[in-house]
Amino acid sequence: MNETALPDLDDAEAVRRFIDRIDGPERLRALLDAPGMDDDARIEEVVAAAGAPEILDRVFQIMGERFVPERAGDAAGAVQWGVRTPTGVYTYHVVISGGRARGERGALSGAALSLKIAAPDLLRVCAGRLNAVTAFTSGKIKLEGDMMFGAKMSAWFDY
């Protein structure tokens, strides 16, 4: 099977294998550039077929791996994400501290910033296909909390 070709969405195992190969922005871009992935509805079909928690777990794991500490300096804080998917809203958080970032599933009290975003837009941001600031100004990302932290944070990750 072509690594960038979408699997049959009725084949749950093939979809999981496809998602397991996403190891960074390049593969995420390949997913978004695959034939038929040109609209939110199709991306949501893939998210649902893969299992929203499974694909979001991968995305937030990769987010932690793609953190560039030199860009953040001594900045620290936490961001909570509410990600809308076809099967509901999933909560994740990213903690930035000690020159590292860690993304995990679940709520976090005391986050400096809370973001709300649809899964297709999150995937586009993490693939470098959608600028986070542009997503905010166009209403695709809703922010509550320290907006300056959020504006700076988008530059701390290598997409």
Protein backbone atom coordinates (compact mmCIF):
# COMPACT_ATOMS: atom_id res chain seq x y z
CA MET A 1 0.00 0.00 0.00
CA ASN A 2 1.19 3.51 -0.79
CA GLU A 3 2.24 5.16 2.52
CA THR A 4 0.31 8.32 1.74
CA ALA A 5 -2.78 6.66 0.27
CA LEU A 6 -5.71 6.63 2.65
CA PRO A 7 -6.77 3.15 3.68
CA ASP A 8 -10.31 1.89 3.36
CA LEU A 9 -12.07 3.63 6.28
CA ASP A 10 -14.04 0.44 6.96
CA ASP A 11 -10.77 -1.40 7.70
CA ALA A 12 -10.10 -0.27 11.29
CA GLU A 13 -6.74 -2.07 11.47
CA ALA A 14 -5.48 -0.44 8.25
CA VAL A 15 -6.56 2.98 9.53
CA ARG A 16 -4.72 2.37 12.85
CA ARG A 17 -1.55 1.34 11.00
CA PHE A 18 -1.84 4.47 8.86
CA ILE A 19 -2.17 6.69 11.96
CA ASP A 20 0.69 4.87 13.73
CA ARG A 21 3.02 5.94 10.90
CA ILE A 22 2.38 9.61 11.63
CA ASP A 23 5.58 10.58 13.41
CA GLY A 24 5.85 14.27 12.67
CA PRO A 25 4.60 17.16 10.61
CA GLU A 26 5.85 15.65 7.34
CA ARG A 27 3.62 12.58 7.65
CA LEU A 28 0.76 14.69 8.95
CA ARG A 29 1.12 16.86 5.84
CA ALA A 30 1.11 13.67 3.73
CA LEU A 31 -2.17 12.68 5.37
CA LEU A 32 -3.71 16.08 4.69
CA ASP A 33 -2.38 16.08 1.11
CA ALA A 34 -3.69 12.59 0.32
CA PRO A 35 -6.34 12.43 -2.41
CA GLY A 36 -9.76 13.14 -0.99
CA MET A 37 -8.53 14.97 2.12
CA ASP A 38 -9.53 18.37 0.84
CA ASP A 39 -12.35 19.19 3.24
CA ASP A 40 -13.21 19.08 6.93
CA ALA A 41 -15.84 16.36 6.49
CA ARG A 42 -13.32 13.93 4.99
CA ILE A 43 -10.73 14.70 7.67
CA GLU A 44 -13.39 14.11 10.32
CA GLU A 45 -14.22 10.74 8.69
CA VAL A 46 -10.58 9.70 9.04
CA VAL A 47 -10.45 10.96 12.65
CA ALA A 48 -13.60 8.97 13.47
CA ALA A 49 -12.33 5.85 11.68
CA ALA A 50 -8.95 6.02 13.42
CA GLY A 51 -10.54 6.76 16.77
CA ALA A 52 -10.36 10.37 17.88
CA PRO A 53 -8.43 9.63 21.10
CA GLU A 54 -5.86 7.57 19.20
CA ILE A 55 -5.10 10.20 16.57
CA LEU A 56 -5.16 13.02 19.13
CA ASP A 57 -2.83 11.07 21.44
CA ARG A 58 -0.36 10.87 18.52
CA VAL A 59 -0.73 14.56 17.68
CA PHE A 60 -0.11 15.69 21.26
CA GLN A 61 2.81 13.28 21.67
CA ILE A 62 4.35 14.70 18.51
CA MET A 63 3.68 18.23 19.74
CA GLY A 64 5.88 17.53 22.76
CA GLU A 65 8.59 16.04 20.55
CA ARG A 66 8.55 19.04 18.19
CA PHE A 67 9.09 21.61 20.95
CA VAL A 68 12.19 23.78 20.34
CA PRO A 69 13.43 24.96 23.77
CA GLU A 70 15.76 27.59 22.31
CA ARG A 71 12.75 29.40 20.90
CA ALA A 72 10.91 29.41 24.24
CA GLY A 73 13.83 30.50 26.39
CA ASP A 74 12.87 30.20 30.05
CA ALA A 75 9.12 30.43 29.36
CA ALA A 76 6.94 27.99 31.22
CA GLY A 77 3.24 27.36 31.43
CA ALA A 78 0.43 25.06 30.50
CA VAL A 79 -2.16 25.15 27.77
CA GLN A 80 -5.39 23.19 27.76
CA TRP A 81 -7.00 22.20 24.46
CA GLY A 82 -10.62 21.32 23.80
CA VAL A 83 -10.63 19.50 20.48
CA ARG A 84 -13.97 19.03 18.71
CA THR A 85 -14.28 15.76 16.83
CA PRO A 86 -17.17 13.89 15.23
CA THR A 87 -17.44 11.79 18.40
CA GLY A 88 -17.27 14.62 20.94
CA VAL A 89 -14.89 17.08 22.52
CA TYR A 90 -11.61 15.71 23.87
CA THR A 91 -9.48 17.57 26.37
CA TYR A 92 -5.69 17.61 26.18
CA HIS A 93 -2.98 19.72 27.71
CA VAL A 94 0.58 20.72 26.96
CA VAL A 95 2.91 21.57 29.83
CA ILE A 96 6.01 23.60 29.03
CA SER A 97 8.64 23.58 31.75
CA GLY A 98 12.37 23.15 32.14
CA GLY A 99 13.07 23.36 28.43
CA ARG A 100 10.61 20.57 27.60
CA ALA A 101 7.03 20.22 26.46
CA ARG A 102 4.77 17.32 27.24
CA GLY A 103 1.37 16.80 25.63
CA GLU A 104 -1.16 14.48 27.28
CA ARG A 105 -4.82 13.61 27.36
CA GLY A 106 -6.97 15.09 30.13
CA ALA A 107 -7.84 18.33 31.83
CA LEU A 108 -5.33 20.38 33.77
CA SER A 109 -6.16 22.92 36.43
CA GLY A 110 -4.27 26.20 36.40
CA ALA A 111 -3.57 26.34 32.66
CA ALA A 112 -2.43 29.78 31.50
CA LEU A 113 -4.48 29.40 28.36
CA SER A 114 -7.42 27.35 27.12
CA LEU A 115 -7.93 26.76 23.42
CA LYS A 116 -10.90 25.37 21.54
CA ILE A 117 -10.38 24.02 18.04
CA ALA A 118 -11.90 21.53 15.60
CA ALA A 119 -9.83 18.43 14.84
CA PRO A 120 -9.27 19.28 11.14
CA ASP A 121 -7.88 22.70 12.08
CA LEU A 122 -5.66 21.21 14.82
CA LEU A 123 -4.23 18.77 12.30
CA ARG A 124 -3.62 21.61 9.84
CA VAL A 125 -1.87 23.73 12.49
CA CYS A 126 0.34 20.81 13.59
CA ALA A 127 1.17 20.01 9.96
CA GLY A 128 2.16 23.60 9.28
CA ARG A 129 -0.72 24.01 6.82
CA LEU A 130 -2.52 26.59 8.97
CA ASN A 131 -0.80 29.34 10.91
CA ALA A 132 -2.00 29.39 14.54
CA VAL A 133 -2.28 33.19 14.62
CA THR A 134 -4.27 33.16 11.39
CA ALA A 135 -6.47 30.41 12.83
CA PHE A 136 -7.14 32.61 15.85
CA THR A 137 -7.87 35.76 13.87
CA SER A 138 -10.23 33.84 11.56
CA GLY A 139 -12.11 32.33 14.52
CA LYS A 140 -10.90 28.75 14.02
CA ILE A 141 -9.20 28.82 17.43
CA LYS A 142 -10.99 30.26 20.45
CA LEU A 143 -8.74 31.47 23.29
CA GLU A 144 -9.38 32.10 26.95
CA GLY A 145 -6.66 33.26 29.27
CA ASP A 146 -3.19 34.65 28.60
CA MET A 147 -3.37 35.51 24.89
CA MET A 148 0.20 36.79 24.83
CA PHE A 149 1.43 33.39 26.04
CA GLY A 150 -0.58 31.77 23.25
CA ALA A 151 0.77 34.12 20.60
CA LYS A 152 4.36 33.42 21.65
CA MET A 153 3.82 29.69 22.12
CA SER A 154 2.95 29.04 18.47
CA ALA A 155 6.58 29.85 17.51
CA TRP A 156 8.04 27.34 19.98
CA PHE A 157 7.21 24.27 17.90
CA ASP A 158 8.84 23.01 14.73
CA TYR A 159 6.17 22.31 12.13
